[in-house]
């Protein structure tokens, strides 16, 4: 049991070291840089500073490319997207189906006419039929409006729920990517700064 407990503890320590690998590299780079600055280390400072700077800039560039790929749906202004966005000479096609549909649906209702020589009873009966027809159409429109309002209300609630879910997922993705890659970004920045400091203060040292 003690052996298993010891192995488990050693495994946890190993995972802890792996989790902080970029922080450990940052500490090593800072110590090496301090060694150059105080004169304890003088081993080819120009080459070491160049390696530090190139490594840091490469890490930052890699993270930029990773960000662009991660959020490709948002069309970041990468060099490829900029080239592909060159204006096309093809004219834009306007869709007229919606206008035609609206024009057709906007036609007025044509009522059946009655002869001027018809009797008063027939005229009254015709008017009553027209009023009844109008009442039916008004009731139909009212029912359709109520159904439409109910559907819009339900859709609005559904869209609000979907937006909330999308927002939560998006925040999770951004947090997982940006916060999750904090250590490697920090290492890339620090190693670039250290390389610049060595080159600035010890770059002329043989």
Protein backbone atom coordinates (compact mmCIF):
# COMPACT_ATOMS: atom_id res chain seq x y z
CA UNK A 1 0.00 0.00 0.00
CA UNK A 2 2.84 2.42 0.84
CA UNK A 3 4.49 1.69 -2.51
CA UNK A 4 1.23 2.41 -4.36
CA UNK A 5 0.75 5.60 -2.37
CA UNK A 6 4.31 6.69 -3.15
CA UNK A 7 3.87 5.95 -6.87
CA UNK A 8 0.62 7.87 -6.89
CA UNK A 9 2.30 10.84 -5.22
CA UNK A 10 5.24 10.74 -7.66
CA UNK A 11 2.76 10.58 -10.55
CA UNK A 12 0.98 13.66 -9.20
CA UNK A 13 4.31 15.49 -8.91
CA UNK A 14 5.19 14.55 -12.49
CA UNK A 15 1.83 15.89 -13.71
CA UNK A 16 2.44 19.07 -11.74
CA UNK A 17 5.83 19.55 -13.42
CA UNK A 18 4.31 18.88 -16.85
CA UNK A 19 1.52 21.36 -16.14
CA UNK A 20 4.10 24.03 -15.35
CA UNK A 21 6.64 23.16 -18.05
CA UNK A 22 6.43 26.60 -19.65
CA UNK A 23 6.73 28.32 -16.27
CA UNK A 24 9.83 26.22 -15.53
CA UNK A 25 11.31 27.17 -18.90
CA UNK A 26 10.52 30.82 -18.12
CA UNK A 27 12.39 30.55 -14.80
CA UNK A 28 15.38 28.93 -16.51
CA UNK A 29 15.48 31.63 -19.21
CA UNK A 30 15.29 34.42 -16.60
CA UNK A 31 18.12 32.81 -14.56
CA UNK A 32 20.29 32.43 -17.67
CA UNK A 33 19.60 36.04 -18.62
CA UNK A 34 20.53 37.27 -15.14
CA UNK A 35 23.73 35.22 -15.40
CA UNK A 36 24.65 37.03 -18.62
CA UNK A 37 23.74 40.46 -17.22
CA UNK A 38 25.85 40.10 -14.06
CA UNK A 39 28.75 38.52 -15.92
CA UNK A 40 28.52 34.96 -14.54
CA UNK A 41 27.88 33.57 -18.03
CA UNK A 42 29.65 34.73 -21.19
CA UNK A 43 29.02 31.86 -23.58
CA UNK A 44 28.34 33.34 -27.06
CA UNK A 45 25.80 35.95 -25.95
CA UNK A 46 24.99 37.00 -29.52
CA UNK A 47 23.95 33.48 -30.51
CA UNK A 48 22.04 32.83 -27.27
CA UNK A 49 20.19 36.14 -27.51
CA UNK A 50 19.30 35.44 -31.14
CA UNK A 51 18.02 31.96 -30.23
CA UNK A 52 15.94 33.42 -27.40
CA UNK A 53 14.45 36.15 -29.59
CA UNK A 54 13.70 33.86 -32.54
CA UNK A 55 12.14 31.24 -30.24
CA UNK A 56 9.92 33.83 -28.54
CA UNK A 57 8.80 35.40 -31.79
CA UNK A 58 8.12 31.96 -33.28
CA UNK A 59 5.92 31.06 -30.29
CA UNK A 60 3.98 34.33 -30.62
CA UNK A 61 3.58 33.79 -34.39
CA UNK A 62 2.39 30.22 -33.82
CA UNK A 63 -0.21 31.44 -31.31
CA UNK A 64 -1.41 34.04 -33.80
CA UNK A 65 -1.88 31.36 -36.46
CA UNK A 66 -3.63 29.14 -33.91
CA UNK A 67 -5.97 31.99 -32.97
CA UNK A 68 -6.82 32.60 -36.62
CA UNK A 69 -7.61 28.92 -37.15
CA UNK A 70 -9.58 28.66 -33.90
CA UNK A 71 -11.82 31.58 -34.86
CA UNK A 72 -11.88 31.08 -38.62
CA UNK A 73 -15.70 31.41 -38.67
CA UNK A 74 -15.30 35.05 -37.65
CA UNK A 75 -13.13 35.72 -40.72
CA UNK A 76 -10.06 37.25 -39.06
CA UNK A 77 -8.10 39.53 -41.36
CA UNK A 78 -5.37 37.04 -42.14
CA UNK A 79 -3.20 37.43 -45.25
CA UNK A 80 -5.14 34.64 -46.99
CA UNK A 81 -8.54 36.17 -46.15
CA UNK A 82 -7.30 39.60 -47.25
CA UNK A 83 -6.21 38.25 -50.64
CA UNK A 84 -9.46 36.30 -51.12
CA UNK A 85 -11.53 39.41 -50.31
CA UNK A 86 -10.34 41.19 -53.47
CA UNK A 87 -13.46 42.81 -55.04
CA UNK A 88 -15.05 40.75 -57.79
CA UNK A 89 -16.11 42.31 -61.10
CA UNK A 90 -19.26 40.14 -61.25
CA UNK A 91 -22.45 42.20 -60.72
CA UNK A 92 -24.63 41.44 -57.74
CA UNK A 93 -27.88 39.62 -58.55
CA UNK A 94 -30.95 41.10 -56.86
CA UNK A 95 -33.54 38.57 -55.76
CA UNK A 96 -36.98 39.77 -56.92
CA UNK A 97 -38.99 36.82 -55.62
CA UNK A 98 -39.81 38.58 -52.35
CA UNK A 99 -41.05 41.70 -54.15
CA UNK A 100 -43.16 39.66 -56.58
CA UNK A 101 -44.67 37.70 -53.71
CA UNK A 102 -45.48 40.90 -51.85
CA UNK A 103 -47.04 42.40 -54.97
CA UNK A 104 -49.22 39.35 -55.52
CA UNK A 105 -50.33 39.17 -51.90
CA UNK A 106 -51.18 42.90 -51.93
CA UNK A 107 -53.95 42.56 -54.54
CA UNK A 108 -57.29 43.81 -53.25
CA UNK A 109 -60.29 41.54 -52.83
CA UNK A 110 -62.78 42.02 -55.64
CA UNK A 111 -66.39 41.74 -54.51
CA UNK A 112 -69.13 40.43 -56.78
CA UNK A 113 -71.14 43.36 -58.18
CA UNK A 114 -74.93 43.50 -58.30
CA UNK A 115 -77.11 44.96 -60.99
CA UNK A 116 -78.47 48.46 -60.47
CA UNK A 117 -81.91 47.21 -61.48
CA UNK A 118 -81.99 44.60 -58.69
CA UNK A 119 -84.73 44.88 -56.11
CA UNK A 120 -84.18 46.50 -52.77
CA UNK A 121 -84.40 43.14 -51.02
CA UNK A 122 -81.70 41.68 -53.27
CA UNK A 123 -79.48 44.73 -52.69
CA UNK A 124 -79.94 44.44 -48.92
CA UNK A 125 -79.25 40.70 -49.09
CA UNK A 126 -76.13 41.38 -51.15
CA UNK A 127 -74.91 43.94 -48.64
CA UNK A 128 -75.56 41.52 -45.78
CA UNK A 129 -73.56 38.84 -47.59
CA UNK A 130 -70.71 41.31 -48.11
CA UNK A 131 -70.77 42.28 -44.42
CA UNK A 132 -70.78 38.62 -43.44
CA UNK A 133 -67.90 37.95 -45.81
CA UNK A 134 -65.97 40.89 -44.36
CA UNK A 135 -66.65 39.63 -40.83
CA UNK A 136 -65.31 36.20 -41.75
CA UNK A 137 -62.22 37.70 -43.31
CA UNK A 138 -61.66 39.94 -40.30
CA UNK A 139 -62.02 36.95 -37.98
CA UNK A 140 -59.62 34.96 -40.14
CA UNK A 141 -57.08 37.80 -40.10
CA UNK A 142 -57.48 38.17 -36.32
CA UNK A 143 -56.95 34.43 -35.81
CA UNK A 144 -53.90 34.51 -38.06
CA UNK A 145 -52.50 37.50 -36.17
CA UNK A 146 -52.97 35.72 -32.85
CA UNK A 147 -51.29 32.60 -34.20
CA UNK A 148 -48.45 34.69 -35.62
CA UNK A 149 -48.01 36.54 -32.33
CA UNK A 150 -47.92 33.26 -30.44
CA UNK A 151 -45.41 31.81 -32.88
CA UNK A 152 -43.26 34.96 -32.67
CA UNK A 153 -43.38 34.84 -28.88
CA UNK A 154 -42.36 31.19 -28.84
CA UNK A 155 -39.62 31.81 -31.40
CA UNK A 156 -38.39 34.80 -29.42
CA UNK A 157 -38.11 32.68 -26.27
CA UNK A 158 -36.42 29.90 -28.23
CA UNK A 159 -33.95 32.32 -29.82
CA UNK A 160 -33.21 33.91 -26.44
CA UNK A 161 -32.44 30.46 -25.02
CA UNK A 162 -30.26 29.58 -28.01
CA UNK A 163 -28.38 32.89 -27.79
CA UNK A 164 -27.71 32.27 -24.12
CA UNK A 165 -26.40 28.78 -24.88
CA UNK A 166 -24.22 30.05 -27.73
CA UNK A 167 -22.88 32.84 -25.54
CA UNK A 168 -22.02 30.36 -22.81
CA UNK A 169 -20.28 28.00 -25.25
CA UNK A 170 -18.41 30.90 -26.88
CA UNK A 171 -17.21 32.21 -23.53
CA UNK A 172 -16.09 28.70 -22.62
CA UNK A 173 -14.16 28.33 -25.90
CA UNK A 174 -12.52 31.74 -25.55
CA UNK A 175 -11.60 31.11 -21.91
CA UNK A 176 -10.26 27.65 -22.73
CA UNK A 177 -8.13 28.97 -25.55
CA UNK A 178 -6.92 32.34 -24.28
CA UNK A 179 -6.58 31.52 -20.59
CA UNK A 180 -5.46 27.97 -21.32
CA UNK A 181 -2.55 29.18 -23.46
CA UNK A 182 -1.51 31.90 -21.01
CA UNK A 183 1.64 30.08 -19.89
CA UNK A 184 3.05 29.54 -23.40
CA UNK A 185 2.23 33.13 -24.39
CA UNK A 186 3.93 34.38 -21.24
CA UNK A 187 6.99 32.21 -21.95
CA UNK A 188 7.17 33.49 -25.53
CA UNK A 189 7.07 37.11 -24.39
CA UNK A 190 9.61 36.62 -21.58
CA UNK A 191 12.11 34.73 -23.73
CA UNK A 192 11.87 37.46 -26.39
CA UNK A 193 12.51 40.16 -23.79
CA UNK A 194 15.42 38.20 -22.32
CA UNK A 195 16.98 37.69 -25.73
CA UNK A 196 16.68 41.41 -26.42
CA UNK A 197 18.26 42.28 -23.04
CA UNK A 198 21.23 39.96 -23.61
CA UNK A 199 21.78 41.34 -27.08
CA UNK A 200 21.47 44.92 -25.84
CA UNK A 201 23.85 44.68 -22.89
CA UNK A 202 26.16 41.77 -23.78
CA UNK A 203 25.86 41.55 -27.54
CA UNK A 204 29.34 42.95 -28.10
CA UNK A 205 30.97 40.55 -25.64
CA UNK A 206 33.13 37.94 -27.48
